[in-house]
Amino acid sequence: MRRRRLALAGPLMALLGGCAAPAARPRVPDIVAVAAWGGTSPPLPAQAQPITRLTLHHQGETWKPGADVQDYLRRLQRWSRQARGWVDIPYHYIVAQDGRAYAARPWQIAGDTNTEYDPRGHLLVMLVGNFEVQEPTPAQWQGTVELVAHLLVQHGLHVEDLATHRDLSAQTLCPGAHLYRRFDELKRAVGVRLAV
């Protein structure tokens, strides 16, 4: 009987992928919920958008150290709804200079843009700052790597599914020269995080 069990174990283990432990998942970052920063979420659609890629943006405005991120998000939400007529902040996640990630528009709802590319199916991550004139802080860089790695796993995406706004639209310098020149470095860092 024991021999029969062992004989069956080989094909069964092959089907299950052997006895190796499942791959480790990247650390789940602490993401500040919309209600925690004083925002409100729009109603979710009956059907969530399918996520096929992740696109990186920058704020495009010079960020002053010590500025209140939560106040900025509340103002951005009001402007997005009142001045632009959008349902919410155009991005799904925001990364502050201290590396903390903030939830914004629900990922189930496609983002918005002032340029001609179609953001349907894109998960939009924006870093505060103007990276034409500023550099991402080390904490912001690390926070972005952790957030992006987590989101790729959460949505079944791969490093090859990352892009920047500039890759998709000729009408923009986003995410700014200083972040764009490091985009391949960011992808490598995310890949390392995914392999941990």
N, C-alpha and C. Protein backbone atom coordinates (compact mmCIF):
# COMPACT_ATOMS: atom_id res chain seq x y z
N MET A 1 0.83 -1.21 0.00
CA MET A 1 0.00 0.00 0.00
C MET A 1 0.87 1.26 0.00
N ARG A 2 1.95 1.21 0.84
CA ARG A 2 2.83 2.37 0.93
C ARG A 2 3.50 2.64 -0.43
N ARG A 3 3.91 1.52 -1.13
CA ARG A 3 4.54 1.67 -2.45
C ARG A 3 3.59 2.31 -3.45
N ARG A 4 2.31 1.92 -3.37
CA ARG A 4 1.31 2.48 -4.28
C ARG A 4 1.14 3.98 -4.04
N ARG A 5 1.13 4.38 -2.77
CA ARG A 5 1.02 5.81 -2.44
C ARG A 5 2.20 6.59 -2.99
N LEU A 6 3.39 6.04 -2.84
CA LEU A 6 4.59 6.71 -3.34
C LEU A 6 4.56 6.81 -4.86
N ALA A 7 4.07 5.75 -5.52
CA ALA A 7 3.99 5.78 -6.98
C ALA A 7 3.03 6.85 -7.48
N LEU A 8 1.93 7.04 -6.75
CA LEU A 8 0.96 8.08 -7.12
C LEU A 8 1.47 9.47 -6.78
N ALA A 9 2.35 9.55 -5.78
CA ALA A 9 2.81 10.86 -5.32
C ALA A 9 3.59 11.59 -6.40
N GLY A 10 4.40 10.85 -7.20
CA GLY A 10 5.20 11.50 -8.23
C GLY A 10 4.36 12.29 -9.22
N PRO A 11 3.37 11.63 -9.89
CA PRO A 11 2.53 12.37 -10.84
C PRO A 11 1.73 13.47 -10.17
N LEU A 12 1.26 13.22 -8.94
CA LEU A 12 0.48 14.24 -8.24
C LEU A 12 1.33 15.47 -7.95
N MET A 13 2.59 15.26 -7.49
CA MET A 13 3.47 16.40 -7.20
C MET A 13 3.81 17.16 -8.48
N ALA A 14 3.96 16.42 -9.59
CA ALA A 14 4.24 17.09 -10.86
C ALA A 14 3.07 17.98 -11.26
N LEU A 15 1.85 17.48 -11.05
CA LEU A 15 0.66 18.28 -11.36
C LEU A 15 0.57 19.52 -10.49
N LEU A 16 0.96 19.38 -9.23
CA LEU A 16 0.88 20.50 -8.30
C LEU A 16 2.09 21.41 -8.36
N GLY A 17 3.04 21.10 -9.22
CA GLY A 17 4.20 21.96 -9.35
C GLY A 17 5.30 21.60 -8.38
N GLY A 18 5.34 20.35 -7.92
CA GLY A 18 6.38 19.94 -6.99
C GLY A 18 6.05 20.37 -5.59
N CYS A 19 7.05 20.24 -4.71
CA CYS A 19 6.79 20.55 -3.30
C CYS A 19 7.38 21.90 -2.91
N ALA A 20 7.78 22.68 -3.90
CA ALA A 20 8.35 23.98 -3.59
C ALA A 20 7.30 24.89 -2.96
N ALA A 21 7.76 25.71 -2.03
CA ALA A 21 6.86 26.67 -1.38
C ALA A 21 6.42 27.70 -2.41
N PRO A 22 5.22 28.25 -2.24
CA PRO A 22 4.78 29.28 -3.18
C PRO A 22 5.71 30.48 -3.14
N ALA A 23 5.82 31.17 -4.28
CA ALA A 23 6.70 32.34 -4.36
C ALA A 23 6.26 33.40 -3.36
N ALA A 24 7.24 34.07 -2.77
CA ALA A 24 6.94 35.13 -1.81
C ALA A 24 6.31 36.31 -2.52
N ARG A 25 5.39 36.96 -1.85
CA ARG A 25 4.76 38.15 -2.41
C ARG A 25 5.48 39.37 -1.86
N PRO A 26 5.56 40.44 -2.65
CA PRO A 26 6.20 41.64 -2.12
C PRO A 26 5.41 42.19 -0.94
N ARG A 27 6.11 42.94 -0.09
CA ARG A 27 5.48 43.53 1.09
C ARG A 27 4.31 44.39 0.65
N VAL A 28 3.20 44.27 1.38
CA VAL A 28 2.02 45.08 1.09
C VAL A 28 2.24 46.45 1.75
N PRO A 29 2.30 47.51 0.95
CA PRO A 29 2.53 48.84 1.54
C PRO A 29 1.30 49.32 2.29
N ASP A 30 1.54 50.19 3.27
CA ASP A 30 0.42 50.84 3.95
C ASP A 30 -0.11 51.92 3.00
N ILE A 31 -1.35 51.78 2.61
CA ILE A 31 -1.96 52.75 1.69
C ILE A 31 -3.02 53.52 2.47
N VAL A 32 -2.89 54.84 2.51
CA VAL A 32 -3.85 55.67 3.22
C VAL A 32 -5.17 55.67 2.45
N ALA A 33 -6.22 55.24 3.10
CA ALA A 33 -7.53 55.15 2.47
C ALA A 33 -8.10 56.55 2.18
N VAL A 34 -9.00 56.62 1.22
CA VAL A 34 -9.61 57.90 0.83
C VAL A 34 -10.27 58.58 2.03
N ALA A 35 -11.04 57.84 2.81
CA ALA A 35 -11.73 58.44 3.97
C ALA A 35 -10.72 58.98 4.98
N ALA A 36 -9.54 58.34 5.09
CA ALA A 36 -8.54 58.77 6.07
C ALA A 36 -7.92 60.11 5.72
N TRP A 37 -7.85 60.45 4.41
CA TRP A 37 -7.31 61.78 4.05
C TRP A 37 -8.42 62.81 3.84
N GLY A 38 -9.67 62.43 4.10
CA GLY A 38 -10.77 63.38 4.05
C GLY A 38 -11.48 63.46 2.72
N GLY A 39 -11.26 62.49 1.85
CA GLY A 39 -11.93 62.48 0.56
C GLY A 39 -13.19 61.63 0.59
N THR A 40 -13.88 61.62 -0.53
CA THR A 40 -15.06 60.75 -0.69
C THR A 40 -14.90 59.98 -1.99
N SER A 41 -15.38 58.76 -2.00
CA SER A 41 -15.27 57.92 -3.20
C SER A 41 -16.57 57.97 -4.01
N PRO A 42 -16.44 57.98 -5.33
CA PRO A 42 -17.65 57.93 -6.17
C PRO A 42 -18.24 56.52 -6.14
N PRO A 43 -19.49 56.37 -6.55
CA PRO A 43 -20.08 55.03 -6.63
C PRO A 43 -19.29 54.17 -7.62
N LEU A 44 -19.15 52.90 -7.30
CA LEU A 44 -18.44 51.98 -8.19
C LEU A 44 -19.33 51.61 -9.37
N PRO A 45 -18.73 51.38 -10.53
CA PRO A 45 -19.53 50.96 -11.70
C PRO A 45 -20.02 49.53 -11.52
N ALA A 46 -21.02 49.17 -12.28
CA ALA A 46 -21.55 47.80 -12.23
C ALA A 46 -20.48 46.79 -12.62
N GLN A 47 -19.60 47.20 -13.52
CA GLN A 47 -18.52 46.31 -13.97
C GLN A 47 -17.20 47.06 -13.87
N ALA A 48 -16.23 46.45 -13.16
CA ALA A 48 -14.91 47.07 -13.00
C ALA A 48 -14.16 47.04 -14.33
N GLN A 49 -13.35 48.07 -14.56
CA GLN A 49 -12.51 48.03 -15.75
C GLN A 49 -11.48 46.92 -15.60
N PRO A 50 -11.18 46.19 -16.68
CA PRO A 50 -10.11 45.20 -16.60
C PRO A 50 -8.77 45.92 -16.63
N ILE A 51 -7.87 45.60 -15.72
CA ILE A 51 -6.57 46.26 -15.66
C ILE A 51 -5.58 45.48 -16.52
N THR A 52 -4.98 46.17 -17.50
CA THR A 52 -4.03 45.52 -18.41
C THR A 52 -2.63 46.11 -18.31
N ARG A 53 -2.48 47.29 -17.67
CA ARG A 53 -1.15 47.88 -17.52
C ARG A 53 -1.14 48.89 -16.40
N LEU A 54 0.05 49.31 -16.01
CA LEU A 54 0.21 50.34 -14.98
C LEU A 54 1.01 51.48 -15.59
N THR A 55 0.50 52.69 -15.45
CA THR A 55 1.13 53.87 -16.05
C THR A 55 1.53 54.86 -14.98
N LEU A 56 2.78 55.34 -15.08
CA LEU A 56 3.36 56.24 -14.10
C LEU A 56 3.25 57.69 -14.56
N HIS A 57 2.89 58.57 -13.62
CA HIS A 57 2.73 60.01 -13.87
C HIS A 57 3.47 60.80 -12.79
N HIS A 58 3.67 62.08 -13.05
CA HIS A 58 4.08 62.98 -11.98
C HIS A 58 3.04 64.09 -11.88
N GLN A 59 3.08 64.80 -10.76
CA GLN A 59 2.11 65.87 -10.52
C GLN A 59 2.29 67.01 -11.51
N GLY A 60 3.53 67.31 -11.83
CA GLY A 60 3.81 68.40 -12.76
C GLY A 60 3.85 69.77 -12.12
N GLU A 61 3.73 69.82 -10.80
CA GLU A 61 3.85 71.07 -10.04
C GLU A 61 4.97 70.89 -9.02
N THR A 62 5.78 71.92 -8.83
CA THR A 62 6.87 71.82 -7.85
C THR A 62 6.28 71.61 -6.46
N TRP A 63 6.76 70.58 -5.81
CA TRP A 63 6.26 70.24 -4.47
C TRP A 63 7.18 70.86 -3.43
N LYS A 64 6.58 71.61 -2.51
CA LYS A 64 7.36 72.24 -1.45
C LYS A 64 7.48 71.27 -0.27
N PRO A 65 8.71 70.96 0.18
CA PRO A 65 8.87 70.06 1.32
C PRO A 65 8.04 70.55 2.51
N GLY A 66 7.37 69.63 3.16
CA GLY A 66 6.54 69.96 4.31
C GLY A 66 5.11 70.33 3.96
N ALA A 67 4.80 70.42 2.66
CA ALA A 67 3.42 70.73 2.26
C ALA A 67 2.49 69.60 2.71
N ASP A 68 1.25 69.93 2.98
CA ASP A 68 0.27 68.98 3.50
C ASP A 68 -0.32 68.15 2.35
N VAL A 69 0.05 66.88 2.29
CA VAL A 69 -0.40 66.01 1.21
C VAL A 69 -1.91 65.83 1.25
N GLN A 70 -2.45 65.63 2.44
CA GLN A 70 -3.88 65.38 2.54
C GLN A 70 -4.70 66.60 2.11
N ASP A 71 -4.23 67.79 2.45
CA ASP A 71 -4.91 69.01 1.99
C ASP A 71 -4.83 69.11 0.47
N TYR A 72 -3.66 68.78 -0.09
CA TYR A 72 -3.51 68.79 -1.55
C TYR A 72 -4.50 67.82 -2.21
N LEU A 73 -4.64 66.62 -1.65
CA LEU A 73 -5.55 65.63 -2.23
C LEU A 73 -7.00 66.10 -2.18
N ARG A 74 -7.38 66.74 -1.08
CA ARG A 74 -8.76 67.26 -0.99
C ARG A 74 -8.99 68.36 -2.04
N ARG A 75 -7.99 69.23 -2.23
CA ARG A 75 -8.12 70.29 -3.25
C ARG A 75 -8.15 69.69 -4.65
N LEU A 76 -7.30 68.68 -4.88
CA LEU A 76 -7.27 68.03 -6.19
C LEU A 76 -8.60 67.34 -6.48
N GLN A 77 -9.19 66.74 -5.47
CA GLN A 77 -10.48 66.08 -5.68
C GLN A 77 -11.56 67.10 -6.02
N ARG A 78 -11.59 68.23 -5.29
CA ARG A 78 -12.58 69.28 -5.60
C ARG A 78 -12.38 69.82 -7.02
N TRP A 79 -11.14 70.12 -7.38
CA TRP A 79 -10.84 70.66 -8.72
C TRP A 79 -11.24 69.66 -9.79
N SER A 80 -10.91 68.38 -9.59
CA SER A 80 -11.23 67.35 -10.59
C SER A 80 -12.72 67.27 -10.84
N ARG A 81 -13.51 67.37 -9.78
CA ARG A 81 -14.96 67.23 -9.91
C ARG A 81 -15.62 68.52 -10.38
N GLN A 82 -15.21 69.65 -9.80
CA GLN A 82 -15.90 70.91 -10.09
C GLN A 82 -15.40 71.59 -11.35
N ALA A 83 -14.08 71.68 -11.53
CA ALA A 83 -13.53 72.38 -12.69
C ALA A 83 -13.48 71.50 -13.93
N ARG A 84 -13.16 70.22 -13.75
CA ARG A 84 -13.01 69.33 -14.91
C ARG A 84 -14.25 68.49 -15.20
N GLY A 85 -15.12 68.32 -14.21
CA GLY A 85 -16.30 67.49 -14.42
C GLY A 85 -16.01 66.00 -14.40
N TRP A 86 -14.85 65.61 -13.85
CA TRP A 86 -14.49 64.20 -13.73
C TRP A 86 -15.16 63.63 -12.49
N VAL A 87 -15.27 62.31 -12.42
CA VAL A 87 -15.90 61.68 -11.25
C VAL A 87 -15.01 61.76 -10.02
N ASP A 88 -13.69 61.93 -10.22
CA ASP A 88 -12.76 61.91 -9.10
C ASP A 88 -11.39 62.38 -9.56
N ILE A 89 -10.43 62.33 -8.63
CA ILE A 89 -9.02 62.55 -8.96
C ILE A 89 -8.70 61.65 -10.15
N PRO A 90 -7.93 62.11 -11.12
CA PRO A 90 -7.71 61.28 -12.31
C PRO A 90 -6.86 60.03 -12.08
N TYR A 91 -6.11 59.99 -10.95
CA TYR A 91 -5.19 58.88 -10.68
C TYR A 91 -5.77 57.93 -9.63
N HIS A 92 -5.29 56.69 -9.65
CA HIS A 92 -5.76 55.71 -8.68
C HIS A 92 -4.94 55.72 -7.39
N TYR A 93 -3.66 56.04 -7.50
CA TYR A 93 -2.78 56.08 -6.31
C TYR A 93 -1.83 57.26 -6.45
N ILE A 94 -1.49 57.83 -5.30
CA ILE A 94 -0.55 58.96 -5.24
C ILE A 94 0.57 58.56 -4.29
N VAL A 95 1.82 58.89 -4.65
CA VAL A 95 2.95 58.62 -3.75
C VAL A 95 3.57 59.95 -3.34
N ALA A 96 3.60 60.19 -2.04
CA ALA A 96 4.12 61.45 -1.50
C ALA A 96 5.64 61.39 -1.38
N GLN A 97 6.25 62.53 -1.07
CA GLN A 97 7.70 62.59 -0.95
C GLN A 97 8.24 61.75 0.20
N ASP A 98 7.42 61.52 1.22
CA ASP A 98 7.88 60.69 2.34
C ASP A 98 7.71 59.20 2.04
N GLY A 99 7.25 58.86 0.85
CA GLY A 99 7.10 57.48 0.43
C GLY A 99 5.75 56.87 0.72
N ARG A 100 4.90 57.60 1.42
CA ARG A 100 3.58 57.06 1.76
C ARG A 100 2.69 57.08 0.53
N ALA A 101 1.91 55.99 0.38
CA ALA A 101 0.97 55.88 -0.75
C ALA A 101 -0.44 56.22 -0.28
N TYR A 102 -1.18 56.89 -1.15
CA TYR A 102 -2.55 57.31 -0.88
C TYR A 102 -3.47 56.75 -1.95
N ALA A 103 -4.58 56.17 -1.52
CA ALA A 103 -5.60 55.74 -2.47
C ALA A 103 -6.33 56.99 -2.98
N ALA A 104 -6.71 56.98 -4.24
CA ALA A 104 -7.45 58.11 -4.82
C ALA A 104 -8.68 57.54 -5.54
N ARG A 105 -8.75 57.69 -6.85
CA ARG A 105 -9.89 57.15 -7.61
C ARG A 105 -9.91 55.62 -7.46
N PRO A 106 -11.07 55.03 -7.26
CA PRO A 106 -11.12 53.57 -7.21
C PRO A 106 -10.58 52.96 -8.51
N TRP A 107 -9.78 51.91 -8.40
CA TRP A 107 -9.16 51.33 -9.59
C TRP A 107 -10.21 50.77 -10.56
N GLN A 108 -11.40 50.50 -10.06
CA GLN A 108 -12.45 49.93 -10.91
C GLN A 108 -12.92 50.92 -11.97
N ILE A 109 -12.64 52.23 -11.74
CA ILE A 109 -13.08 53.28 -12.67
C ILE A 109 -11.87 53.77 -13.47
N ALA A 110 -11.98 53.80 -14.78
CA ALA A 110 -10.88 54.28 -15.63
C ALA A 110 -10.51 55.70 -15.25
N GLY A 111 -9.21 56.01 -15.36
CA GLY A 111 -8.72 57.34 -15.03
C GLY A 111 -9.07 58.37 -16.09
N ASP A 112 -8.65 59.61 -15.83
CA ASP A 112 -8.87 60.70 -16.78
C ASP A 112 -7.52 61.31 -17.14
N THR A 113 -7.48 62.05 -18.23
CA THR A 113 -6.24 62.65 -18.69
C THR A 113 -6.53 63.91 -19.48
N ASN A 114 -5.57 64.83 -19.48
CA ASN A 114 -5.67 66.04 -20.30
C ASN A 114 -5.05 65.84 -21.68
N THR A 115 -4.52 64.64 -21.94
CA THR A 115 -3.89 64.36 -23.23
C THR A 115 -4.72 63.33 -23.99
N GLU A 116 -4.24 62.95 -25.18
CA GLU A 116 -5.09 62.17 -26.07
C GLU A 116 -5.07 60.67 -25.83
N TYR A 117 -4.19 60.16 -24.93
CA TYR A 117 -4.17 58.70 -24.79
C TYR A 117 -5.39 58.20 -24.03
N ASP A 118 -5.76 56.96 -24.29
CA ASP A 118 -6.95 56.35 -23.68
C ASP A 118 -6.52 55.60 -22.42
N PRO A 119 -6.89 56.08 -21.22
CA PRO A 119 -6.43 55.43 -19.99
C PRO A 119 -7.26 54.23 -19.55
N ARG A 120 -8.22 53.81 -20.37
CA ARG A 120 -9.01 52.63 -19.98
C ARG A 120 -8.10 51.41 -19.87
N GLY A 121 -8.27 50.69 -18.78
CA GLY A 121 -7.45 49.51 -18.53
C GLY A 121 -6.13 49.80 -17.85
N HIS A 122 -5.84 51.09 -17.62
CA HIS A 122 -4.58 51.48 -16.99
C HIS A 122 -4.81 51.75 -15.51
N LEU A 123 -3.91 51.26 -14.69
CA LEU A 123 -3.85 51.64 -13.28
C LEU A 123 -2.90 52.83 -13.24
N LEU A 124 -3.37 53.99 -12.76
CA LEU A 124 -2.58 55.22 -12.82
C LEU A 124 -1.98 55.54 -11.46
N VAL A 125 -0.64 55.64 -11.43
CA VAL A 125 0.09 55.97 -10.21
C VAL A 125 0.79 57.30 -10.45
N MET A 126 0.57 58.26 -9.56
CA MET A 126 1.17 59.59 -9.69
C MET A 126 2.06 59.89 -8.50
N LEU A 127 3.25 60.42 -8.77
CA LEU A 127 4.16 60.87 -7.72
C LEU A 127 4.05 62.39 -7.62
N VAL A 128 3.93 62.91 -6.38
CA VAL A 128 3.86 64.36 -6.23
C VAL A 128 5.22 64.96 -6.58
N GLY A 129 5.20 66.12 -7.20
CA GLY A 129 6.41 66.82 -7.59
C GLY A 129 6.45 67.07 -9.08
N ASN A 130 7.36 67.94 -9.47
CA ASN A 130 7.59 68.24 -10.88
C ASN A 130 8.98 67.73 -11.22
N PHE A 131 9.06 66.58 -11.85
CA PHE A 131 10.34 65.93 -12.09
C PHE A 131 11.05 66.43 -13.34
N GLU A 132 10.55 67.52 -13.89
CA GLU A 132 11.35 68.28 -14.85
C GLU A 132 12.39 69.10 -14.08
N VAL A 133 12.06 69.49 -12.85
CA VAL A 133 12.97 70.34 -12.06
C VAL A 133 13.36 69.71 -10.72
N GLN A 134 12.63 68.73 -10.25
CA GLN A 134 12.91 68.06 -8.99
C GLN A 134 13.28 66.61 -9.24
N GLU A 135 13.85 65.97 -8.22
CA GLU A 135 14.13 64.53 -8.25
C GLU A 135 13.18 63.86 -7.26
N PRO A 136 12.76 62.62 -7.53
CA PRO A 136 12.03 61.89 -6.50
C PRO A 136 12.93 61.73 -5.28
N THR A 137 12.38 61.86 -4.09
CA THR A 137 13.18 61.65 -2.88
C THR A 137 13.48 60.15 -2.76
N PRO A 138 14.53 59.79 -2.01
CA PRO A 138 14.79 58.36 -1.80
C PRO A 138 13.59 57.62 -1.21
N ALA A 139 12.89 58.24 -0.26
CA ALA A 139 11.71 57.60 0.34
C ALA A 139 10.59 57.45 -0.69
N GLN A 140 10.42 58.45 -1.53
CA GLN A 140 9.38 58.40 -2.57
C GLN A 140 9.71 57.30 -3.59
N TRP A 141 10.97 57.21 -3.93
CA TRP A 141 11.42 56.17 -4.86
C TRP A 141 11.10 54.79 -4.29
N GLN A 142 11.52 54.56 -3.03
CA GLN A 142 11.29 53.27 -2.40
C GLN A 142 9.81 52.97 -2.26
N GLY A 143 9.03 53.97 -1.87
CA GLY A 143 7.59 53.79 -1.74
C GLY A 143 6.93 53.45 -3.07
N THR A 144 7.44 54.06 -4.15
CA THR A 144 6.90 53.78 -5.49
C THR A 144 7.22 52.35 -5.91
N VAL A 145 8.45 51.91 -5.66
CA VAL A 145 8.85 50.54 -5.99
C VAL A 145 7.94 49.54 -5.26
N GLU A 146 7.73 49.77 -3.96
CA GLU A 146 6.90 48.85 -3.17
C GLU A 146 5.45 48.86 -3.65
N LEU A 147 4.91 50.06 -3.90
CA LEU A 147 3.52 50.16 -4.35
C LEU A 147 3.34 49.49 -5.70
N VAL A 148 4.22 49.80 -6.65
CA VAL A 148 4.09 49.25 -8.00
C VAL A 148 4.21 47.72 -7.97
N ALA A 149 5.17 47.19 -7.23
CA ALA A 149 5.31 45.73 -7.13
C ALA A 149 4.04 45.11 -6.56
N HIS A 150 3.51 45.71 -5.52
CA HIS A 150 2.27 45.21 -4.91
C HIS A 150 1.11 45.23 -5.91
N LEU A 151 0.97 46.34 -6.64
CA LEU A 151 -0.14 46.46 -7.59
C LEU A 151 -0.01 45.49 -8.76
N LEU A 152 1.22 45.25 -9.21
CA LEU A 152 1.40 44.29 -10.30
C LEU A 152 0.93 42.91 -9.86
N VAL A 153 1.31 42.51 -8.66
CA VAL A 153 0.88 41.20 -8.16
C VAL A 153 -0.64 41.18 -7.98
N GLN A 154 -1.17 42.23 -7.37
CA GLN A 154 -2.60 42.29 -7.08
C GLN A 154 -3.45 42.16 -8.35
N HIS A 155 -2.95 42.72 -9.46
CA HIS A 155 -3.73 42.74 -10.70
C HIS A 155 -3.21 41.75 -11.75
N GLY A 156 -2.30 40.87 -11.35
CA GLY A 156 -1.81 39.85 -12.28
C GLY A 156 -1.01 40.40 -13.45
N LEU A 157 -0.30 41.51 -13.20
CA LEU A 157 0.51 42.14 -14.25
C LEU A 157 1.98 41.79 -14.08
N HIS A 158 2.80 42.19 -15.06
CA HIS A 158 4.24 41.93 -15.06
C HIS A 158 4.99 43.24 -15.27
N VAL A 159 6.29 43.21 -15.04
CA VAL A 159 7.11 44.42 -15.20
C VAL A 159 6.96 44.97 -16.62
N GLU A 160 6.79 44.09 -17.61
CA GLU A 160 6.63 44.53 -19.01
C GLU A 160 5.35 45.34 -19.21
N ASP A 161 4.44 45.29 -18.24
CA ASP A 161 3.17 46.02 -18.35
C ASP A 161 3.27 47.44 -17.80
N LEU A 162 4.48 47.85 -17.40
CA LEU A 162 4.69 49.21 -16.89
C LEU A 162 5.00 50.16 -18.04
N ALA A 163 4.48 51.38 -17.94
CA ALA A 163 4.77 52.42 -18.92
C ALA A 163 4.72 53.76 -18.20
N THR A 164 5.17 54.79 -18.88
CA THR A 164 5.00 56.16 -18.37
C THR A 164 4.01 56.87 -19.28
N HIS A 165 3.47 57.97 -18.79
CA HIS A 165 2.55 58.78 -19.58
C HIS A 165 3.20 59.18 -20.91
N ARG A 166 4.48 59.55 -20.86
CA ARG A 166 5.19 59.99 -22.06
C ARG A 166 5.27 58.88 -23.12
N ASP A 167 5.34 57.63 -22.67
CA ASP A 167 5.40 56.51 -23.62
C ASP A 167 4.11 56.39 -24.43
N LEU A 168 3.02 56.95 -23.90
CA LEU A 168 1.71 56.76 -24.51
C LEU A 168 1.16 58.01 -25.18
N SER A 169 1.82 59.15 -24.94
CA SER A 169 1.30 60.41 -25.49
C SER A 169 2.45 61.34 -25.86
N ALA A 170 2.43 61.82 -27.08
CA ALA A 170 3.45 62.77 -27.52
C ALA A 170 3.17 64.18 -26.99
N GLN A 171 2.03 64.37 -26.34
CA GLN A 171 1.63 65.71 -25.89
C GLN A 171 2.15 66.06 -24.50
N THR A 172 2.99 65.22 -23.90
CA THR A 172 3.36 65.46 -22.52
C THR A 172 4.83 65.16 -22.25
N LEU A 173 5.37 65.82 -21.24
CA LEU A 173 6.70 65.51 -20.72
C LEU A 173 6.60 64.60 -19.49
N CYS A 174 5.38 64.32 -19.05
CA CYS A 174 5.13 63.49 -17.87
C CYS A 174 5.74 62.10 -18.06
N PRO A 175 6.46 61.58 -17.14
CA PRO A 175 6.58 61.92 -15.72
C PRO A 175 7.76 62.81 -15.38
N GLY A 176 8.21 63.62 -16.30
CA GLY A 176 9.32 64.53 -16.05
C GLY A 176 10.66 63.87 -16.35
N ALA A 177 11.62 64.69 -16.81
CA ALA A 177 12.91 64.17 -17.28
C ALA A 177 13.65 63.37 -16.21
N HIS A 178 13.62 63.85 -14.96
CA HIS A 178 14.41 63.19 -13.91
C HIS A 178 13.84 61.84 -13.49
N LEU A 179 12.54 61.64 -13.64
CA LEU A 179 11.97 60.32 -13.36
C LEU A 179 12.04 59.45 -14.62
N TYR A 180 11.82 60.05 -15.78
CA TYR A 180 11.81 59.28 -17.02
C TYR A 180 13.16 58.62 -17.29
N ARG A 181 14.26 59.36 -17.03
CA ARG A 181 15.59 58.79 -17.29
C ARG A 181 15.90 57.62 -16.36
N ARG A 182 15.16 57.52 -15.25
CA ARG A 182 15.38 56.42 -14.30
C ARG A 182 14.30 55.34 -14.40
N PHE A 183 13.49 55.40 -15.45
CA PHE A 183 12.37 54.46 -15.53
C PHE A 183 12.85 53.01 -15.65
N ASP A 184 13.89 52.75 -16.45
CA ASP A 184 14.41 51.39 -16.55
C ASP A 184 14.95 50.92 -15.20
N GLU A 185 15.59 51.83 -14.47
CA GLU A 185 16.07 51.50 -13.12
C GLU A 185 14.90 51.14 -12.20
N LEU A 186 13.81 51.89 -12.33
CA LEU A 186 12.61 51.60 -11.53
C LEU A 186 12.07 50.21 -11.87
N LYS A 187 12.00 49.89 -13.15
CA LYS A 187 11.50 48.57 -13.55
C LYS A 187 12.39 47.45 -13.00
N ARG A 188 13.71 47.69 -13.03
CA ARG A 188 14.61 46.67 -12.45
C ARG A 188 14.38 46.51 -10.96
N ALA A 189 14.21 47.62 -10.25
CA ALA A 189 13.98 47.56 -8.81
C ALA A 189 12.67 46.85 -8.49
N VAL A 190 11.64 47.10 -9.29
CA VAL A 190 10.36 46.41 -9.11
C VAL A 190 10.55 44.92 -9.38
N GLY A 191 11.29 44.57 -10.42
CA GLY A 191 11.56 43.17 -10.73
C GLY A 191 12.26 42.46 -9.60
N VAL A 192 13.22 43.13 -8.97
CA VAL A 192 13.92 42.56 -7.82
C VAL A 192 12.95 42.34 -6.68
N ARG A 193 12.08 43.31 -6.44
CA ARG A 193 11.09 43.20 -5.37
C ARG A 193 10.15 42.03 -5.63
N LEU A 194 9.77 41.83 -6.89
CA LEU A 194 8.88 40.72 -7.22
C LEU A 194 9.55 39.36 -7.07
N ALA A 195 10.88 39.34 -7.19
CA ALA A 195 11.61 38.08 -7.11
C ALA A 195 11.95 37.69 -5.67
N VAL A 196 11.74 38.58 -4.73
CA VAL A 196 12.10 38.31 -3.32
C VAL A 196 11.26 37.17 -2.78
